[in-house]
C-alpha atoms as a PDB file:
ATOM      1  CA  MET A   1     -15.815  -4.064  -4.648  1.00  0.00           C
ATOM      2  CA  ASN A   2     -13.505  -5.958  -6.950  1.00  0.00           C
ATOM      3  CA  PHE A   3     -10.574  -3.600  -7.425  1.00  0.00           C
ATOM      4  CA  SER A   4      -8.948  -5.757 -10.104  1.00  0.00           C
ATOM      5  CA  THR A   5     -11.822  -5.088 -12.514  1.00  0.00           C
ATOM      6  CA  MET A   6     -11.988  -1.339 -11.920  1.00  0.00           C
ATOM      7  CA  THR A   7     -10.500   1.210 -14.313  1.00  0.00           C
ATOM      8  CA  ARG A   8      -7.867   3.668 -13.143  1.00  0.00           C
ATOM      9  CA  VAL A   9     -10.494   6.435 -13.054  1.00  0.00           C
ATOM     10  CA  GLU A  10     -12.830   4.280 -10.932  1.00  0.00           C
ATOM     11  CA  LEU A  11      -9.969   3.439  -8.568  1.00  0.00           C
ATOM     12  CA  GLU A  12      -9.007   7.094  -8.217  1.00  0.00           C
ATOM     13  CA  ARG A  13     -12.626   8.029  -7.478  1.00  0.00           C
ATOM     14  CA  TYR A  14     -12.938   5.233  -4.913  1.00  0.00           C
ATOM     15  CA  ILE A  15      -9.704   6.302  -3.189  1.00  0.00           C
ATOM     16  CA  GLN A  16     -10.812   9.947  -3.130  1.00  0.00           C
ATOM     17  CA  GLU A  17     -14.199   9.015  -1.624  1.00  0.00           C
ATOM     18  CA  THR A  18     -12.544   6.732   0.923  1.00  0.00           C
ATOM     19  CA  ARG A  19     -10.087   9.456   1.961  1.00  0.00           C
ATOM     20  CA  GLU A  20     -13.038  11.820   2.482  1.00  0.00           C
ATOM     21  CA  LYS A  21     -14.702   9.207   4.701  1.00  0.00           C
ATOM     22  CA  MET A  22     -11.395   8.862   6.564  1.00  0.00           C
ATOM     23  CA  ARG A  23     -11.314  12.607   7.172  1.00  0.00           C
ATOM     24  CA  LYS A  24     -14.858  12.526   8.571  1.00  0.00           C
ATOM     25  CA  ALA A  25     -14.108   9.509  10.776  1.00  0.00           C
ATOM     26  CA  GLU A  26     -11.028  11.264  12.126  1.00  0.00           C
ATOM     27  CA  MET A  27     -13.014  14.421  12.876  1.00  0.00           C
ATOM     28  CA  MET A  28     -15.623  12.355  14.735  1.00  0.00           C
ATOM     29  CA  GLY A  29     -12.912  10.494  16.643  1.00  0.00           C
ATOM     30  CA  VAL A  30     -13.877   7.062  15.314  1.00  0.00           C
ATOM     31  CA  VAL A  31     -10.364   5.619  15.215  1.00  0.00           C
ATOM     32  CA  ASN A  32     -11.246   2.038  14.271  1.00  0.00           C
ATOM     33  CA  GLU A  33     -13.334   3.173  11.261  1.00  0.00           C
ATOM     34  CA  TYR A  34     -10.493   5.468  10.208  1.00  0.00           C
ATOM     35  CA  HIS A  35      -8.020   2.563  10.193  1.00  0.00           C
ATOM     36  CA  VAL A  36     -10.377   0.270   8.243  1.00  0.00           C
ATOM     37  CA  LEU A  37     -10.903   2.965   5.597  1.00  0.00           C
ATOM     38  CA  GLU A  38      -7.172   3.674   5.486  1.00  0.00           C
ATOM     39  CA  ARG A  39      -6.471  -0.003   4.761  1.00  0.00           C
ATOM     40  CA  GLN A  40      -9.169  -0.075   2.038  1.00  0.00           C
ATOM     41  CA  ALA A  41      -7.601   2.943   0.305  1.00  0.00           C
ATOM     42  CA  LEU A  42      -4.151   1.381   0.618  1.00  0.00           C
ATOM     43  CA  ILE A  43      -5.300  -1.859  -1.017  1.00  0.00           C
ATOM     44  CA  ALA A  44      -7.085   0.047  -3.811  1.00  0.00           C
ATOM     45  CA  GLU A  45      -3.859   1.978  -4.482  1.00  0.00           C
ATOM     46  CA  CYS A  46      -2.060  -1.343  -5.028  1.00  0.00           C
ATOM     47  CA  TYR A  47      -4.042  -1.856  -8.225  1.00  0.00           C
ATOM     48  CA  MET A  48      -2.618   1.377  -9.637  1.00  0.00           C
ATOM     49  CA  VAL A  49       1.019   0.303  -9.098  1.00  0.00           C
ATOM     50  CA  ASP A  50       3.014  -0.898 -12.093  1.00  0.00           C
ATOM     51  CA  LEU A  51       4.314  -4.207 -10.724  1.00  0.00           C
ATOM     52  CA  SER A  52       7.039  -4.327 -13.390  1.00  0.00           C
ATOM     53  CA  LEU A  53       8.817  -1.540 -11.458  1.00  0.00           C
ATOM     54  CA  ILE A  54       9.332  -3.834  -8.450  1.00  0.00           C
ATOM     55  CA  GLN A  55      12.431  -6.013  -8.651  1.00  0.00           C
ATOM     56  CA  PRO A  56      13.033  -8.979  -6.342  1.00  0.00           C
ATOM     57  CA  GLY A  57      16.250  -8.541  -4.369  1.00  0.00           C
ATOM     58  CA  LYS A  58      16.012  -4.749  -4.372  1.00  0.00           C
ATOM     59  CA  ILE A  59      15.560  -2.593  -1.267  1.00  0.00           C
ATOM     60  CA  TYR A  60      12.792   0.036  -1.226  1.00  0.00           C
ATOM     61  CA  LYS A  61      11.970   2.846   1.173  1.00  0.00           C
ATOM     62  CA  VAL A  62       8.619   2.340   2.887  1.00  0.00           C
ATOM     63  CA  ILE A  63       6.269   5.293   2.275  1.00  0.00           C
ATOM     64  CA  SER A  64       5.123   7.144   5.402  1.00  0.00           C
ATOM     65  CA  ASN A  65       7.637   5.337   7.627  1.00  0.00           C
ATOM     66  CA  GLU A  66      10.740   7.441   8.157  1.00  0.00           C
ATOM     67  CA  ASP A  67      13.925   5.334   7.997  1.00  0.00           C
ATOM     68  CA  HIS A  68      12.148   2.054   7.210  1.00  0.00           C
ATOM     69  CA  TYR A  69      13.381  -0.005   4.283  1.00  0.00           C
ATOM     70  CA  PHE A  70      12.029  -3.259   2.877  1.00  0.00           C
ATOM     71  CA  LYS A  71      13.906  -5.863   0.828  1.00  0.00           C
ATOM     72  CA  VAL A  72      11.577  -7.546  -1.654  1.00  0.00           C
ATOM     73  CA  GLU A  73      12.155 -11.265  -2.084  1.00  0.00           C
ATOM     74  CA  TYR A  74       9.174 -11.916  -4.372  1.00  0.00           C
ATOM     75  CA  LEU A  75       5.723 -10.649  -5.391  1.00  0.00           C
ATOM     76  CA  LYS A  76       2.488 -12.517  -4.894  1.00  0.00           C
ATOM     77  CA  GLY A  77      -0.537 -10.653  -6.187  1.00  0.00           C
ATOM     78  CA  ILE A  78      -0.525  -7.123  -4.782  1.00  0.00           C
ATOM     79  CA  PHE A  79       1.820  -7.976  -1.917  1.00  0.00           C
ATOM     80  CA  ALA A  80       5.597  -7.769  -1.748  1.00  0.00           C
ATOM     81  CA  TRP A  81       7.093 -10.499   0.409  1.00  0.00           C
ATOM     82  CA  GLY A  82      10.418  -9.937   2.107  1.00  0.00           C
ATOM     83  CA  PHE A  83      12.084  -8.429   5.141  1.00  0.00           C
ATOM     84  CA  TYR A  84      12.409  -5.060   6.867  1.00  0.00           C
ATOM     85  CA  ILE A  85      16.056  -4.008   6.873  1.00  0.00           C
ATOM     86  CA  GLY A  86      17.370  -4.104  10.431  1.00  0.00           C
ATOM     87  CA  GLY A  87      14.220  -5.807  11.633  1.00  0.00           C
ATOM     88  CA  ASP A  88      14.061  -9.074  13.505  1.00  0.00           C
ATOM     89  CA  GLU A  89      10.727 -10.208  12.085  1.00  0.00           C
ATOM     90  CA  PRO A  90      10.458 -13.304   9.915  1.00  0.00           C
ATOM     91  CA  GLU A  91       9.450 -12.940   6.281  1.00  0.00           C
ATOM     92  CA  THR A  92       6.429 -10.685   5.975  1.00  0.00           C
ATOM     93  CA  ALA A  93       4.197  -9.199   3.270  1.00  0.00           C
ATOM     94  CA  ILE A  94       3.292  -5.576   2.697  1.00  0.00           C
ATOM     95  CA  PRO A  95       1.012  -3.997   0.074  1.00  0.00           C
ATOM     96  CA  VAL A  96       3.001  -2.838  -2.956  1.00  0.00           C
ATOM     97  CA  SER A  97       1.519   0.644  -2.616  1.00  0.00           C
ATOM     98  CA  LEU A  98       3.719   1.128   0.475  1.00  0.00           C
ATOM     99  CA  LEU A  99       6.925   0.850  -1.567  1.00  0.00           C
ATOM    100  CA  GLN A 100       8.505   4.043  -2.847  1.00  0.00           C
ATOM    101  CA  LEU A 101       9.219   3.190  -6.477  1.00  0.00           C
ATOM    102  CA  ASP A 102      11.471   4.853  -8.996  1.00  0.00           C
ATOM    103  CA  LYS A 103       9.478   6.333 -11.864  1.00  0.00           C
ATOM    104  CA  LYS A 104      10.416   5.196 -15.378  1.00  0.00           C
END
């Protein structure tokens, strides 16, 4: 699957199908498959993000992580590189779909 060549409708369909597979894997207790599918859906969602909404130097809340914030230093492809606020990790990258963005 080459997400960069897919239309928005194709991406949405893929994400919906992947989330259904995730639900089934969770019901069957196959944790590793669930996490692989979760990551695939997360990466597919990156291709639906308007990268122009992400500004280097700005701090964003991380979706699905209560009280976690990420300062974006720069973008490279579908990943935001920077630092977790209050974290002691070196520079790291996270998928842009994890950033809670302001809607225009």
